[in-house]
PDB file of N, CA and C in Angstrom:
ATOM      1  N   MET A   1     -24.061 -79.163  82.051  1.00  0.00           N
ATOM      2  CA  MET A   1     -23.764 -78.324  80.905  1.00  0.00           C
ATOM      3  C   MET A   1     -25.045 -78.134  80.099  1.00  0.00           C
ATOM      4  N   LYS A   2     -25.345 -76.889  79.789  1.00  0.00           N
ATOM      5  CA  LYS A   2     -26.537 -76.549  79.030  1.00  0.00           C
ATOM      6  C   LYS A   2     -26.154 -76.220  77.592  1.00  0.00           C
ATOM      7  N   ILE A   3     -27.079 -76.419  76.688  1.00  0.00           N
ATOM      8  CA  ILE A   3     -26.869 -76.055  75.284  1.00  0.00           C
ATOM      9  C   ILE A   3     -26.602 -74.561  75.172  1.00  0.00           C
ATOM     10  N   SER A   4     -27.296 -73.767  75.980  1.00  0.00           N
ATOM     11  CA  SER A   4     -27.142 -72.309  75.918  1.00  0.00           C
ATOM     12  C   SER A   4     -25.742 -71.854  76.329  1.00  0.00           C
ATOM     13  N   ASP A   5     -24.957 -72.751  76.935  1.00  0.00           N
ATOM     14  CA  ASP A   5     -23.572 -72.409  77.275  1.00  0.00           C
ATOM     15  C   ASP A   5     -22.686 -72.364  76.026  1.00  0.00           C
ATOM     16  N   HIS A   6     -23.119 -73.034  74.972  1.00  0.00           N
ATOM     17  CA  HIS A   6     -22.278 -73.174  73.785  1.00  0.00           C
ATOM     18  C   HIS A   6     -22.905 -72.668  72.494  1.00  0.00           C
ATOM     19  N   PHE A   7     -24.208 -72.381  72.521  1.00  0.00           N
ATOM     20  CA  PHE A   7     -24.903 -71.988  71.300  1.00  0.00           C
ATOM     21  C   PHE A   7     -25.807 -70.790  71.527  1.00  0.00           C
ATOM     22  N   PHE A   8     -26.023 -70.032  70.446  1.00  0.00           N
ATOM     23  CA  PHE A   8     -27.030 -68.971  70.400  1.00  0.00           C
ATOM     24  C   PHE A   8     -28.133 -69.419  69.450  1.00  0.00           C
ATOM     25  N   THR A   9     -29.341 -68.906  69.651  1.00  0.00           N
ATOM     26  CA  THR A   9     -30.402 -69.097  68.664  1.00  0.00           C
ATOM     27  C   THR A   9     -30.211 -68.049  67.571  1.00  0.00           C
ATOM     28  N   GLU A  10     -30.881 -68.234  66.444  1.00  0.00           N
ATOM     29  CA  GLU A  10     -30.744 -67.228  65.383  1.00  0.00           C
ATOM     30  C   GLU A  10     -31.309 -65.886  65.823  1.00  0.00           C
ATOM     31  N   SER A  11     -32.306 -65.887  66.681  1.00  0.00           N
ATOM     32  CA  SER A  11     -32.849 -64.621  67.204  1.00  0.00           C
ATOM     33  C   SER A  11     -31.816 -63.897  68.061  1.00  0.00           C
ATOM     34  N   GLN A  12     -31.092 -64.634  68.884  1.00  0.00           N
ATOM     35  CA  GLN A  12     -30.058 -64.020  69.715  1.00  0.00           C
ATOM     36  C   GLN A  12     -28.944 -63.435  68.847  1.00  0.00           C
ATOM     37  N   VAL A  13     -28.542 -64.169  67.809  1.00  0.00           N
ATOM     38  CA  VAL A  13     -27.483 -63.685  66.924  1.00  0.00           C
ATOM     39  C   VAL A  13     -27.952 -62.439  66.185  1.00  0.00           C
ATOM     40  N   ALA A  14     -29.198 -62.429  65.751  1.00  0.00           N
ATOM     41  CA  ALA A  14     -29.742 -61.244  65.084  1.00  0.00           C
ATOM     42  C   ALA A  14     -29.679 -60.036  66.011  1.00  0.00           C
ATOM     43  N   SER A  15     -30.004 -60.238  67.271  1.00  0.00           N
ATOM     44  CA  SER A  15     -29.949 -59.158  68.250  1.00  0.00           C
ATOM     45  C   SER A  15     -28.513 -58.688  68.474  1.00  0.00           C
ATOM     46  N   ILE A  16     -27.576 -59.620  68.551  1.00  0.00           N
ATOM     47  CA  ILE A  16     -26.170 -59.274  68.764  1.00  0.00           C
ATOM     48  C   ILE A  16     -25.647 -58.386  67.648  1.00  0.00           C
ATOM     49  N   PHE A  17     -25.996 -58.731  66.406  1.00  0.00           N
ATOM     50  CA  PHE A  17     -25.487 -57.978  65.256  1.00  0.00           C
ATOM     51  C   PHE A  17     -26.411 -56.846  64.826  1.00  0.00           C
ATOM     52  N   GLY A  18     -27.568 -56.724  65.462  1.00  0.00           N
ATOM     53  CA  GLY A  18     -28.496 -55.648  65.137  1.00  0.00           C
ATOM     54  C   GLY A  18     -29.098 -55.792  63.752  1.00  0.00           C
ATOM     55  N   VAL A  19     -29.387 -57.039  63.368  1.00  0.00           N
ATOM     56  CA  VAL A  19     -29.989 -57.295  62.063  1.00  0.00           C
ATOM     57  C   VAL A  19     -31.254 -58.119  62.244  1.00  0.00           C
ATOM     58  N   ASN A  20     -31.988 -58.281  61.160  1.00  0.00           N
ATOM     59  CA  ASN A  20     -33.207 -59.062  61.159  1.00  0.00           C
ATOM     60  C   ASN A  20     -32.872 -60.549  61.133  1.00  0.00           C
ATOM     61  N   ARG A  21     -33.777 -61.393  61.651  1.00  0.00           N
ATOM     62  CA  ARG A  21     -33.556 -62.849  61.614  1.00  0.00           C
ATOM     63  C   ARG A  21     -33.386 -63.356  60.192  1.00  0.00           C
ATOM     64  N   ILE A  22     -34.046 -62.733  59.241  1.00  0.00           N
ATOM     65  CA  ILE A  22     -33.917 -63.152  57.839  1.00  0.00           C
ATOM     66  C   ILE A  22     -32.471 -62.993  57.375  1.00  0.00           C
ATOM     67  N   THR A  23     -31.802 -61.960  57.839  1.00  0.00           N
ATOM     68  CA  THR A  23     -30.388 -61.766  57.503  1.00  0.00           C
ATOM     69  C   THR A  23     -29.560 -62.919  58.055  1.00  0.00           C
ATOM     70  N   ILE A  24     -29.862 -63.351  59.260  1.00  0.00           N
ATOM     71  CA  ILE A  24     -29.142 -64.483  59.855  1.00  0.00           C
ATOM     72  C   ILE A  24     -29.386 -65.734  59.034  1.00  0.00           C
ATOM     73  N   TRP A  25     -30.604 -65.977  58.591  1.00  0.00           N
ATOM     74  CA  TRP A  25     -30.898 -67.139  57.746  1.00  0.00           C
ATOM     75  C   TRP A  25     -30.092 -67.071  56.454  1.00  0.00           C
ATOM     76  N   ARG A  26     -29.988 -65.860  55.901  1.00  0.00           N
ATOM     77  CA  ARG A  26     -29.212 -65.662  54.667  1.00  0.00           C
ATOM     78  C   ARG A  26     -27.737 -65.976  54.925  1.00  0.00           C
ATOM     79  N   TRP A  27     -27.209 -65.503  56.049  1.00  0.00           N
ATOM     80  CA  TRP A  27     -25.808 -65.775  56.394  1.00  0.00           C
ATOM     81  C   TRP A  27     -25.569 -67.269  56.579  1.00  0.00           C
ATOM     82  N   ILE A  28     -26.540 -67.953  57.174  1.00  0.00           N
ATOM     83  CA  ILE A  28     -26.420 -69.408  57.343  1.00  0.00           C
ATOM     84  C   ILE A  28     -26.381 -70.073  55.966  1.00  0.00           C
ATOM     85  N   LYS A  29     -27.271 -69.654  55.083  1.00  0.00           N
ATOM     86  CA  LYS A  29     -27.319 -70.213  53.734  1.00  0.00           C
ATOM     87  C   LYS A  29     -26.017 -69.958  52.975  1.00  0.00           C
ATOM     88  N   GLU A  30     -25.401 -68.801  53.223  1.00  0.00           N
ATOM     89  CA  GLU A  30     -24.134 -68.448  52.587  1.00  0.00           C
ATOM     90  C   GLU A  30     -22.944 -69.179  53.208  1.00  0.00           C
ATOM     91  N   GLY A  31     -23.165 -69.881  54.306  1.00  0.00           N
ATOM     92  CA  GLY A  31     -22.109 -70.643  54.952  1.00  0.00           C
ATOM     93  C   GLY A  31     -21.310 -69.867  55.984  1.00  0.00           C
ATOM     94  N   LYS A  32     -21.819 -68.715  56.384  1.00  0.00           N
ATOM     95  CA  LYS A  32     -21.108 -67.904  57.375  1.00  0.00           C
ATOM     96  C   LYS A  32     -21.081 -68.582  58.749  1.00  0.00           C
ATOM     97  N   PHE A  33     -22.102 -69.374  59.030  1.00  0.00           N
ATOM     98  CA  PHE A  33     -22.206 -70.086  60.298  1.00  0.00           C
ATOM     99  C   PHE A  33     -22.447 -71.565  60.047  1.00  0.00           C
ATOM    100  N   ASP A  34     -21.828 -72.409  60.881  1.00  0.00           N
ATOM    101  CA  ASP A  34     -22.203 -73.814  60.955  1.00  0.00           C
ATOM    102  C   ASP A  34     -23.333 -73.862  61.971  1.00  0.00           C
ATOM    103  N   THR A  35     -24.340 -74.638  61.710  1.00  0.00           N
ATOM    104  CA  THR A  35     -25.470 -74.685  62.633  1.00  0.00           C
ATOM    105  C   THR A  35     -25.743 -76.108  63.084  1.00  0.00           C
ATOM    106  N   GLN A  36     -26.448 -76.194  64.179  1.00  0.00           N
ATOM    107  CA  GLN A  36     -26.974 -77.455  64.689  1.00  0.00           C
ATOM    108  C   GLN A  36     -28.475 -77.251  64.841  1.00  0.00           C
ATOM    109  N   LYS A  37     -29.241 -78.236  64.452  1.00  0.00           N
ATOM    110  CA  LYS A  37     -30.682 -78.133  64.602  1.00  0.00           C
ATOM    111  C   LYS A  37     -31.137 -79.156  65.632  1.00  0.00           C
ATOM    112  N   ILE A  38     -31.824 -78.662  66.641  1.00  0.00           N
ATOM    113  CA  ILE A  38     -32.390 -79.523  67.668  1.00  0.00           C
ATOM    114  C   ILE A  38     -33.883 -79.242  67.680  1.00  0.00           C
ATOM    115  N   GLY A  39     -34.650 -80.222  67.214  1.00  0.00           N
ATOM    116  CA  GLY A  39     -36.086 -80.007  67.056  1.00  0.00           C
ATOM    117  C   GLY A  39     -36.298 -78.928  65.999  1.00  0.00           C
ATOM    118  N   GLN A  40     -37.032 -77.910  66.350  1.00  0.00           N
ATOM    119  CA  GLN A  40     -37.285 -76.789  65.441  1.00  0.00           C
ATOM    120  C   GLN A  40     -36.284 -75.651  65.621  1.00  0.00           C
ATOM    121  N   GLU A  41     -35.421 -75.776  66.600  1.00  0.00           N
ATOM    122  CA  GLU A  41     -34.478 -74.704  66.948  1.00  0.00           C
ATOM    123  C   GLU A  41     -33.184 -74.828  66.151  1.00  0.00           C
ATOM    124  N   VAL A  42     -32.796 -73.729  65.503  1.00  0.00           N
ATOM    125  CA  VAL A  42     -31.511 -73.665  64.801  1.00  0.00           C
ATOM    126  C   VAL A  42     -30.530 -72.977  65.740  1.00  0.00           C
ATOM    127  N   LEU A  43     -29.418 -73.652  66.022  1.00  0.00           N
ATOM    128  CA  LEU A  43     -28.436 -73.142  66.973  1.00  0.00           C
ATOM    129  C   LEU A  43     -27.123 -72.827  66.278  1.00  0.00           C
ATOM    130  N   ILE A  44     -26.510 -71.731  66.691  1.00  0.00           N
ATOM    131  CA  ILE A  44     -25.260 -71.255  66.108  1.00  0.00           C
ATOM    132  C   ILE A  44     -24.203 -71.256  67.208  1.00  0.00           C
ATOM    133  N   PRO A  45     -23.051 -71.880  66.944  1.00  0.00           N
ATOM    134  CA  PRO A  45     -22.005 -71.939  67.971  1.00  0.00           C
ATOM    135  C   PRO A  45     -21.543 -70.544  68.416  1.00  0.00           C
ATOM    136  N   LYS A  46     -21.411 -70.377  69.714  1.00  0.00           N
ATOM    137  CA  LYS A  46     -20.985 -69.083  70.255  1.00  0.00           C
ATOM    138  C   LYS A  46     -19.592 -68.703  69.770  1.00  0.00           C
ATOM    139  N   TRP A  47     -18.694 -69.686  69.604  1.00  0.00           N
ATOM    140  CA  TRP A  47     -17.332 -69.363  69.176  1.00  0.00           C
ATOM    141  C   TRP A  47     -17.332 -68.730  67.788  1.00  0.00           C
ATOM    142  N   GLN A  48     -18.249 -69.153  66.907  1.00  0.00           N
ATOM    143  CA  GLN A  48     -18.300 -68.559  65.571  1.00  0.00           C
ATOM    144  C   GLN A  48     -18.803 -67.122  65.636  1.00  0.00           C
ATOM    145  N   VAL A  49     -19.786 -66.892  66.468  1.00  0.00           N
ATOM    146  CA  VAL A  49     -20.318 -65.538  66.627  1.00  0.00           C
ATOM    147  C   VAL A  49     -19.224 -64.623  67.168  1.00  0.00           C
ATOM    148  N   GLU A  50     -18.463 -65.095  68.141  1.00  0.00           N
ATOM    149  CA  GLU A  50     -17.381 -64.301  68.718  1.00  0.00           C
ATOM    150  C   GLU A  50     -16.311 -63.973  67.673  1.00  0.00           C
ATOM    151  N   LEU A  51     -15.960 -64.940  66.836  1.00  0.00           N
ATOM    152  CA  LEU A  51     -14.970 -64.690  65.786  1.00  0.00           C
ATOM    153  C   LEU A  51     -15.446 -63.621  64.811  1.00  0.00           C
ATOM    154  N   ILE A  52     -16.691 -63.692  64.424  1.00  0.00           N
ATOM    155  CA  ILE A  52     -17.231 -62.708  63.482  1.00  0.00           C
ATOM    156  C   ILE A  52     -17.320 -61.335  64.128  1.00  0.00           C
ATOM    157  N   LYS A  53     -17.700 -61.294  65.418  1.00  0.00           N
ATOM    158  CA  LYS A  53     -17.730 -60.010  66.130  1.00  0.00           C
ATOM    159  C   LYS A  53     -16.339 -59.387  66.195  1.00  0.00           C
ATOM    160  N   GLU A  54     -15.332 -60.203  66.499  1.00  0.00           N
ATOM    161  CA  GLU A  54     -13.953 -59.705  66.571  1.00  0.00           C
ATOM    162  C   GLU A  54     -13.483 -59.207  65.213  1.00  0.00           C
ATOM    163  N   ASP A  55     -13.798 -59.948  64.163  1.00  0.00           N
ATOM    164  CA  ASP A  55     -13.408 -59.550  62.812  1.00  0.00           C
ATOM    165  C   ASP A  55     -14.077 -58.239  62.415  1.00  0.00           C
ATOM    166  N   LYS A  56     -15.358 -58.106  62.745  1.00  0.00           N
ATOM    167  CA  LYS A  56     -16.095 -56.880  62.443  1.00  0.00           C
ATOM    168  C   LYS A  56     -15.494 -55.690  63.192  1.00  0.00           C
ATOM    169  N   ALA A  57     -15.170 -55.887  64.463  1.00  0.00           N
ATOM    170  CA  ALA A  57     -14.574 -54.813  65.266  1.00  0.00           C
ATOM    171  C   ALA A  57     -13.206 -54.423  64.711  1.00  0.00           C
ATOM    172  N   LYS A  58     -12.424 -55.402  64.288  1.00  0.00           N
ATOM    173  CA  LYS A  58     -11.105 -55.141  63.720  1.00  0.00           C
ATOM    174  C   LYS A  58     -11.217 -54.320  62.433  1.00  0.00           C
ATOM    175  N   ARG A  59     -12.182 -54.681  61.574  1.00  0.00           N
ATOM    176  CA  ARG A  59     -12.393 -53.939  60.323  1.00  0.00           C
ATOM    177  C   ARG A  59     -12.826 -52.509  60.608  1.00  0.00           C
ATOM    178  N   GLU A  60     -13.677 -52.327  61.616  1.00  0.00           N
ATOM    179  CA  GLU A  60     -14.141 -50.978  61.963  1.00  0.00           C
ATOM    180  C   GLU A  60     -12.999 -50.131  62.501  1.00  0.00           C
ATOM    181  N   ARG A  61     -12.094 -50.743  63.281  1.00  0.00           N
ATOM    182  CA  ARG A  61     -10.953 -49.986  63.823  1.00  0.00           C
ATOM    183  C   ARG A  61     -10.001 -49.561  62.697  1.00  0.00           C
ATOM    184  N   THR A  62      -9.800 -50.404  61.720  1.00  0.00           N
ATOM    185  CA  THR A  62      -8.869 -50.060  60.632  1.00  0.00           C
ATOM    186  C   THR A  62      -9.488 -49.037  59.694  1.00  0.00           C
ATOM    187  N   ARG A  63     -10.802 -48.931  59.667  1.00  0.00           N
ATOM    188  CA  ARG A  63     -11.475 -47.942  58.838  1.00  0.00           C
ATOM    189  C   ARG A  63     -11.331 -46.540  59.391  1.00  0.00           C
ATOM    190  N   LEU A  64     -11.136 -46.435  60.696  1.00  0.00           N
ATOM    191  CA  LEU A  64     -11.047 -45.114  61.349  1.00  0.00           C
ATOM    192  C   LEU A  64      -9.738 -44.480  61.145  1.00  0.00           C
TER     193      LEU A  64
END
């Protein structure tokens, strides 16, 4: 089992949401994500990213 099976880096999450890494840091500070730090790497659980993606998609569908 690899760490990458369960976590994204903040750069990967920024790419997924199409935002800057600074935005991801801000979201972490706001408590939007629980993180794990291994060495210098900040890791974000994939399940949290998936939940936020689903919520965002749901909001976009109801807006239409």
